[in-house]
Each structure stands twice: as C-alpha cells, then as structure tokens.
Amino acid sequence: MSKGELKGGKLFYKKWLEAIRNFQVRQMHGEELSNIQALVLHEGGSALHHLSSLKGDMNGLEAAGIESSEKFSRADLLYTELSVRFGHSVLEGMDEPTQRSFKTLRKEMDDYSQGWTSAARDVFKAAGEAEGSRNLVLTASKLLSALAKLILFSLNKHVSPYDVVSVWMEGKKKNYMSEVKARYPHAEILVIGDGREEREAARELKLPFYEITKGSCGRATMDLRKLKETLSKPAKVTNRRGKGQLRSPSPAASHPAKRALTPPKRLAAHPASGGRAAWLG
C-alpha cells in the first residue's frame, strides 16, 4: 500500500514509517542488523534472505573476510532472538503511553484504508487455519522491515518467522516460487498479490494467482474479504480472470485451489503426500 492510497496522505505515511523504524530499533536490534542483508549480497551470498540465511554454510558466505564473518555470526544470534520475538504480541515491550499511541495509529490506519488491515488479518487467519495449509510471505522489502510490518499489523500470529523470505535488491520472486514448487510437487499452491512480478511468475510457473487490486484501498479490501470467504468454506475457486478472482495461468493450473489458499507462510504439513500453501507477495 503506497502513501498515495491513504486518506491521510504523506503525513500519515510518515507516521507509520516512523513507527516501523522505532520498532525495529527498540525491539529488533535494528541499528545492528540494518546493513546485514546488504553485506550478505556484497559478500556474494544468496539473494533469498530469511532468518536461517546465516546458519550452516551460510549460503556461500564461507569465503567472507574475518570482519564480515564475525558480523554474520553475531547477526545469526540476533536472528534467533528475532524468531522468538516474532511469536509474541506487538504490544509486548511497549510502555502504556506507547501502547495507547500505537493502538490509535493502527485504528487510524484501518479507518483510512477502509478496513484493509483488518481484512488482511482475516485472510491470514483463514488461510493458516485451513487443514494442512501453510502461509509463505515473499517480499521485495528488506527482511527486517517485512518482519516488523507483520508484527505491527498482528499478522505474525499466522505465519512462521522462518517462512518470511526477502528478495530485496537482487532476488527474483520467481526463483523462490520455483524452488518451493519443486520441493513440494504434490502441494496445491496459491499465489496472492498485487504486483506484476508475482503475477507474471505465477503465470510462467503455471500456478493459480489471486490478484488484489492495486491503487484502491476500498477495492483491495473487497478482494481480501472475498478471498477470506473462499478460504472459510469448502468450494471450488473460480478461474475467471479479473480482480479479486483466482487467476489460472493455464488449464494445467485450474485444479481446485479452494483450501490451498494460504497467504505466504508455511507449507504443507505432509508435503510428500500433498498439502496446501500460499503466498502473499
């Protein structure tokens, strides 16, 4: 959602940016971790960045210099702490005045966005509660920023911190989507988003795509509410083209994706035998 789409305009947008930055600094080691993702790319590491990126062989970072290696080791410890923080309420760690101002800010956001934030939470919840489903979040934002937004909007309840993947700067969403499709060949996957990159990637990979209207909070909210209804009851999803409809890139992808819908978070509980997953791009 861009600043131009909100009733409050640039001023309200700046208030949210400030809230996100403050949260990262105060509760997510923001100052220490702010440049880690860029450093990983500089050292030739994977463009797909997540909280497990610095574990094990560190995705090709073994040849990094001593100074960088020390920073990566320290960041890995902090990433583990973040995974724990991600599982707790957004209000945890805030004093009462901060909690009050934050609740006011979030209510204003929901009002200005015509219910977009609450509709998004309903979709995440419905998708995550579907039997055998898993939400995956794939974002072009920096990982730290994406995790902060998920917590601030209380979407963290329905997604694992390790299922949030950032392709900031050098990554391609198609690469990760292709990876997951290959890893779980029997899972039903639904891609959800409002951007061209995920839409085209879904088409190339022959994956169903549910498009959220871009540029209109009201229409986006309606799309999310329709999706939530679809996720909440057993029924086949339509394959008609258009906003707020399941977009099937080819006949091969026209299988029933009803409960496969799960915004980006976890994958099938039993991937070898099937299951359902979904992205929110």
Protein backbone atom coordinates (compact mmCIF):
# COMPACT_ATOMS: atom_id res chain seq x y z
CA MET A 1 0.00 0.00 0.00
CA SER A 2 1.57 3.29 -1.05
CA LYS A 3 1.30 6.67 0.64
CA GLY A 4 -0.84 7.94 -2.23
CA GLU A 5 -3.55 5.41 -1.44
CA LEU A 6 -4.24 6.63 2.08
CA LYS A 7 -6.62 9.38 3.07
CA GLY A 8 -4.05 10.83 5.48
CA GLY A 9 -1.52 11.35 2.68
CA LYS A 10 2.19 11.85 3.20
CA LEU A 11 1.92 12.95 6.83
CA PHE A 12 0.13 9.78 7.93
CA TYR A 13 2.51 7.67 5.81
CA LYS A 14 5.47 9.27 7.60
CA LYS A 15 3.93 8.45 10.98
CA TRP A 16 3.80 4.78 10.00
CA LEU A 17 7.36 4.82 8.70
CA GLU A 18 8.48 6.29 12.00
CA ALA A 19 6.57 3.63 13.94
CA ILE A 20 8.17 0.86 11.87
CA ARG A 21 11.67 2.27 12.28
CA ASN A 22 11.27 2.83 16.01
CA PHE A 23 10.00 -0.71 16.48
CA GLN A 24 12.98 -2.12 14.59
CA VAL A 25 15.46 -0.12 16.68
CA ARG A 26 13.83 -0.76 20.05
CA GLN A 27 12.77 -4.38 19.70
CA MET A 28 14.55 -5.89 16.68
CA HIS A 29 18.21 -4.82 17.03
CA GLY A 30 17.57 -2.52 14.10
CA GLU A 31 20.77 -0.48 14.36
CA GLU A 32 22.98 -3.56 14.46
CA LEU A 33 21.12 -5.52 11.77
CA SER A 34 20.17 -2.73 9.36
CA ASN A 35 23.02 -3.41 6.91
CA ILE A 36 23.39 -7.19 7.29
CA GLN A 37 21.29 -8.06 4.24
CA ALA A 38 23.30 -5.66 2.07
CA LEU A 39 26.54 -7.12 3.45
CA VAL A 40 25.37 -10.65 2.56
CA LEU A 41 24.85 -9.55 -1.06
CA HIS A 42 28.20 -7.75 -1.08
CA GLU A 43 29.95 -10.94 0.05
CA GLY A 44 28.24 -12.99 -2.67
CA GLY A 45 25.61 -14.64 -0.50
CA SER A 46 22.17 -15.78 -1.58
CA ALA A 47 19.70 -13.15 -2.78
CA LEU A 48 16.95 -15.08 -0.97
CA HIS A 49 17.24 -13.78 2.60
CA HIS A 50 15.48 -15.20 5.67
CA LEU A 51 16.17 -15.84 9.34
CA SER A 52 18.03 -19.08 8.53
CA SER A 53 20.29 -17.46 5.92
CA LEU A 54 23.28 -17.18 8.26
CA LYS A 55 23.19 -20.75 9.59
CA GLY A 56 25.22 -23.73 8.44
CA ASP A 57 27.26 -22.98 5.33
CA MET A 58 25.67 -19.51 5.24
CA ASN A 59 24.69 -19.87 1.59
CA GLY A 60 28.13 -19.31 0.08
CA LEU A 61 29.46 -16.89 2.70
CA GLU A 62 32.29 -19.15 3.90
CA ALA A 63 34.85 -17.08 1.99
CA ALA A 64 33.84 -13.81 3.64
CA GLY A 65 36.54 -11.82 5.40
CA ILE A 66 37.09 -12.13 9.14
CA GLU A 67 35.30 -8.88 9.94
CA SER A 68 32.25 -9.83 7.87
CA SER A 69 32.23 -13.37 9.27
CA GLU A 70 32.14 -12.01 12.80
CA LYS A 71 29.23 -9.76 11.89
CA PHE A 72 27.39 -12.69 10.33
CA SER A 73 27.92 -14.85 13.43
CA ARG A 74 26.61 -12.07 15.65
CA ALA A 75 23.66 -11.45 13.29
CA ASP A 76 22.77 -15.16 13.34
CA LEU A 77 22.38 -14.99 17.13
CA LEU A 78 20.22 -11.89 16.81
CA TYR A 79 18.13 -13.53 14.08
CA THR A 80 17.38 -16.36 16.51
CA GLU A 81 16.24 -13.78 19.07
CA LEU A 82 14.05 -12.18 16.40
CA SER A 83 12.38 -15.50 15.67
CA VAL A 84 11.35 -15.65 19.34
CA ARG A 85 10.17 -12.02 19.41
CA PHE A 86 8.15 -12.65 16.27
CA GLY A 87 5.96 -15.09 18.15
CA HIS A 88 4.80 -12.55 20.72
CA SER A 89 2.23 -9.75 20.75
CA VAL A 90 3.08 -6.45 19.11
CA LEU A 91 2.36 -4.67 22.42
CA GLU A 92 4.95 -6.66 24.35
CA GLY A 93 7.80 -4.44 25.49
CA MET A 94 5.86 -1.19 24.99
CA ASP A 95 5.09 1.07 27.94
CA GLU A 96 1.47 2.17 28.43
CA PRO A 97 1.77 5.56 26.66
CA THR A 98 3.40 3.89 23.66
CA GLN A 99 0.72 1.20 23.59
CA ARG A 100 -2.03 3.83 23.59
CA SER A 101 -0.47 5.86 20.78
CA PHE A 102 0.17 2.73 18.74
CA LYS A 103 -3.42 1.48 19.12
CA THR A 104 -4.65 4.88 17.97
CA LEU A 105 -2.30 4.84 14.99
CA ARG A 106 -3.40 1.37 13.94
CA LYS A 107 -7.09 2.24 14.26
CA GLU A 108 -6.48 5.30 12.09
CA MET A 109 -4.74 3.08 9.55
CA ASP A 110 -7.68 0.70 9.42
CA ASP A 111 -10.13 3.59 9.08
CA TYR A 112 -8.12 5.39 6.40
CA SER A 113 -7.53 2.18 4.45
CA GLN A 114 -11.24 1.31 4.57
CA GLY A 115 -10.67 -1.86 6.55
CA TRP A 116 -7.69 -3.11 4.55
CA THR A 117 -5.56 -4.05 7.60
CA SER A 118 -8.32 -5.97 9.39
CA ALA A 119 -9.29 -7.72 6.14
CA ALA A 120 -5.67 -8.79 5.65
CA ARG A 121 -5.57 -10.25 9.16
CA ASP A 122 -8.77 -12.19 8.47
CA VAL A 123 -7.25 -13.67 5.29
CA PHE A 124 -4.03 -14.68 7.03
CA LYS A 125 -6.02 -16.34 9.80
CA ALA A 126 -8.40 -18.18 7.47
CA ALA A 127 -5.54 -19.38 5.29
CA GLY A 128 -3.43 -20.54 8.20
CA GLU A 129 -6.32 -22.44 9.78
CA ALA A 130 -7.10 -24.48 6.66
CA GLU A 131 -6.19 -28.12 7.30
CA GLY A 132 -2.70 -28.99 6.07
CA SER A 133 -2.00 -25.44 4.92
CA ARG A 134 0.97 -23.16 5.32
CA ASN A 135 1.46 -19.46 4.72
CA LEU A 136 4.59 -18.17 3.00
CA VAL A 137 5.49 -14.48 2.84
CA LEU A 138 7.63 -13.45 -0.10
CA THR A 139 8.59 -9.78 -0.18
CA ALA A 140 10.73 -7.30 -2.09
CA SER A 141 11.25 -5.33 1.13
CA LYS A 142 14.22 -5.84 3.41
CA LEU A 143 13.71 -8.80 5.73
CA LEU A 144 13.87 -6.73 8.91
CA SER A 145 11.27 -4.29 7.62
CA ALA A 146 8.95 -7.09 6.48
CA LEU A 147 9.12 -8.83 9.87
CA ALA A 148 8.41 -5.55 11.65
CA LYS A 149 5.34 -4.86 9.49
CA LEU A 150 3.98 -8.36 10.06
CA ILE A 151 4.27 -7.89 13.82
CA LEU A 152 2.84 -4.35 13.79
CA PHE A 153 -0.20 -5.50 11.80
CA SER A 154 -0.54 -8.61 14.03
CA LEU A 155 -0.11 -10.90 11.03
CA ASN A 156 2.72 -12.72 12.81
CA LYS A 157 0.18 -14.96 14.56
CA HIS A 158 -0.45 -16.86 11.35
CA VAL A 159 3.00 -17.23 9.80
CA SER A 160 6.28 -18.72 10.93
CA PRO A 161 9.20 -16.26 11.12
CA TYR A 162 11.22 -18.74 9.07
CA ASP A 163 8.67 -18.64 6.27
CA VAL A 164 9.22 -14.95 5.56
CA VAL A 165 11.64 -14.55 2.64
CA SER A 166 13.06 -11.33 1.23
CA VAL A 167 14.32 -10.88 -2.34
CA TRP A 168 15.40 -7.27 -1.74
CA MET A 169 17.64 -5.71 -4.41
CA GLU A 170 18.99 -8.73 -6.30
CA GLY A 171 16.50 -11.54 -5.78
CA LYS A 172 13.62 -12.65 -8.00
CA LYS A 173 10.33 -13.86 -6.60
CA LYS A 174 10.08 -16.42 -9.37
CA ASN A 175 13.27 -18.13 -8.16
CA TYR A 176 11.86 -18.81 -4.71
CA MET A 177 8.44 -19.78 -6.02
CA SER A 178 10.09 -22.24 -8.40
CA GLU A 179 12.16 -23.65 -5.52
CA VAL A 180 9.08 -24.28 -3.38
CA LYS A 181 7.13 -25.78 -6.26
CA ALA A 182 9.97 -28.23 -6.91
CA ARG A 183 10.39 -29.06 -3.22
CA TYR A 184 6.69 -29.81 -2.73
CA PRO A 185 5.48 -31.16 -6.09
CA HIS A 186 2.20 -32.53 -4.70
CA ALA A 187 1.15 -29.45 -2.76
CA GLU A 188 -1.57 -27.10 -4.01
CA ILE A 189 -0.11 -23.61 -4.15
CA LEU A 190 -1.95 -20.32 -4.49
CA VAL A 191 -0.07 -17.08 -5.12
CA ILE A 192 -1.71 -13.94 -3.73
CA GLY A 193 -0.54 -10.44 -4.50
CA ASP A 194 -0.99 -7.07 -6.18
CA GLY A 195 2.25 -6.81 -8.15
CA ARG A 196 3.31 -7.58 -11.70
CA GLU A 197 6.34 -9.65 -10.68
CA GLU A 198 4.40 -12.26 -8.70
CA ARG A 199 1.61 -12.29 -11.27
CA GLU A 200 4.00 -13.00 -14.16
CA ALA A 201 5.98 -15.51 -12.10
CA ALA A 202 2.78 -17.40 -11.25
CA ARG A 203 1.82 -17.47 -14.92
CA GLU A 204 5.23 -18.79 -16.00
CA LEU A 205 5.18 -21.46 -13.29
CA LYS A 206 1.54 -22.33 -14.05
CA LEU A 207 0.39 -21.53 -10.53
CA PRO A 208 -3.05 -20.11 -9.65
CA PHE A 209 -2.90 -16.39 -8.86
CA TYR A 210 -5.37 -14.38 -6.79
CA GLU A 211 -4.95 -10.72 -7.62
CA ILE A 212 -5.55 -7.95 -5.07
CA THR A 213 -6.47 -4.62 -6.67
CA LYS A 214 -3.64 -2.11 -6.57
CA GLY A 215 -4.24 1.62 -6.22
CA SER A 216 -7.58 1.46 -4.39
CA CYS A 217 -7.86 0.59 -0.71
CA GLY A 218 -11.60 0.04 -0.99
CA ARG A 219 -11.33 -2.43 -3.85
CA ALA A 220 -8.34 -4.18 -2.27
CA THR A 221 -10.36 -4.62 0.93
CA MET A 222 -13.26 -6.11 -1.05
CA ASP A 223 -10.86 -8.53 -2.78
CA LEU A 224 -9.46 -9.63 0.58
CA ARG A 225 -12.92 -10.16 2.03
CA LYS A 226 -13.94 -12.30 -0.95
CA LEU A 227 -10.78 -14.34 -0.54
CA LYS A 228 -11.45 -14.81 3.16
CA GLU A 229 -14.94 -16.12 2.39
CA THR A 230 -13.49 -18.53 -0.13
CA LEU A 231 -10.95 -19.78 2.37
CA SER A 232 -13.55 -20.23 5.08
CA LYS A 233 -15.84 -22.62 3.26
CA PRO A 234 -15.34 -25.74 1.12
CA ALA A 235 -15.92 -24.80 -2.50
CA LYS A 236 -14.08 -24.66 -5.76
CA VAL A 237 -12.45 -21.36 -6.59
CA THR A 238 -13.49 -19.75 -9.84
CA ASN A 239 -10.88 -19.49 -12.55
CA ARG A 240 -12.33 -16.42 -14.20
CA ARG A 241 -9.90 -13.64 -14.91
CA GLY A 242 -10.23 -10.33 -13.16
CA LYS A 243 -9.57 -8.52 -9.94
CA GLY A 244 -10.50 -10.46 -6.86
CA GLN A 245 -10.75 -13.71 -8.81
CA LEU A 246 -8.49 -16.71 -8.84
CA ARG A 247 -6.41 -16.26 -11.94
CA SER A 248 -5.43 -19.55 -13.54
CA PRO A 249 -2.47 -19.02 -15.90
CA SER A 250 -3.22 -22.16 -17.90
CA PRO A 251 -5.62 -25.12 -18.00
CA ALA A 252 -2.97 -27.16 -16.19
CA ALA A 253 -3.34 -24.89 -13.17
CA SER A 254 -7.11 -24.99 -13.00
CA HIS A 255 -7.29 -27.60 -10.23
CA PRO A 256 -9.45 -26.76 -7.18
CA ALA A 257 -7.30 -24.49 -5.02
CA LYS A 258 -10.02 -23.79 -2.51
CA ARG A 259 -8.36 -24.51 0.78
CA ALA A 260 -4.94 -24.40 -0.75
CA LEU A 261 -5.15 -20.67 -0.20
CA THR A 262 -2.82 -19.55 2.47
CA PRO A 263 -1.05 -16.26 2.34
CA PRO A 264 2.69 -16.66 2.42
CA LYS A 265 3.77 -18.60 5.42
CA ARG A 266 4.01 -22.33 6.00
CA LEU A 267 3.84 -25.19 3.59
CA ALA A 268 2.03 -28.49 3.58
CA ALA A 269 2.04 -30.41 6.82
CA HIS A 270 2.79 -33.54 4.82
CA PRO A 271 4.45 -32.25 1.63
CA ALA A 272 5.33 -35.68 0.36
CA SER A 273 1.70 -36.70 0.10
CA GLY A 274 0.19 -33.33 -0.68
CA GLY A 275 -0.96 -30.33 1.27
CA ARG A 276 -1.61 -26.68 0.58
CA ALA A 277 0.40 -23.49 0.62
CA ALA A 278 0.12 -19.89 -0.47
CA TRP A 279 1.97 -16.65 -0.90
CA LEU A 280 1.21 -13.09 -0.17
CA GLY A 281 3.56 -11.14 -2.36
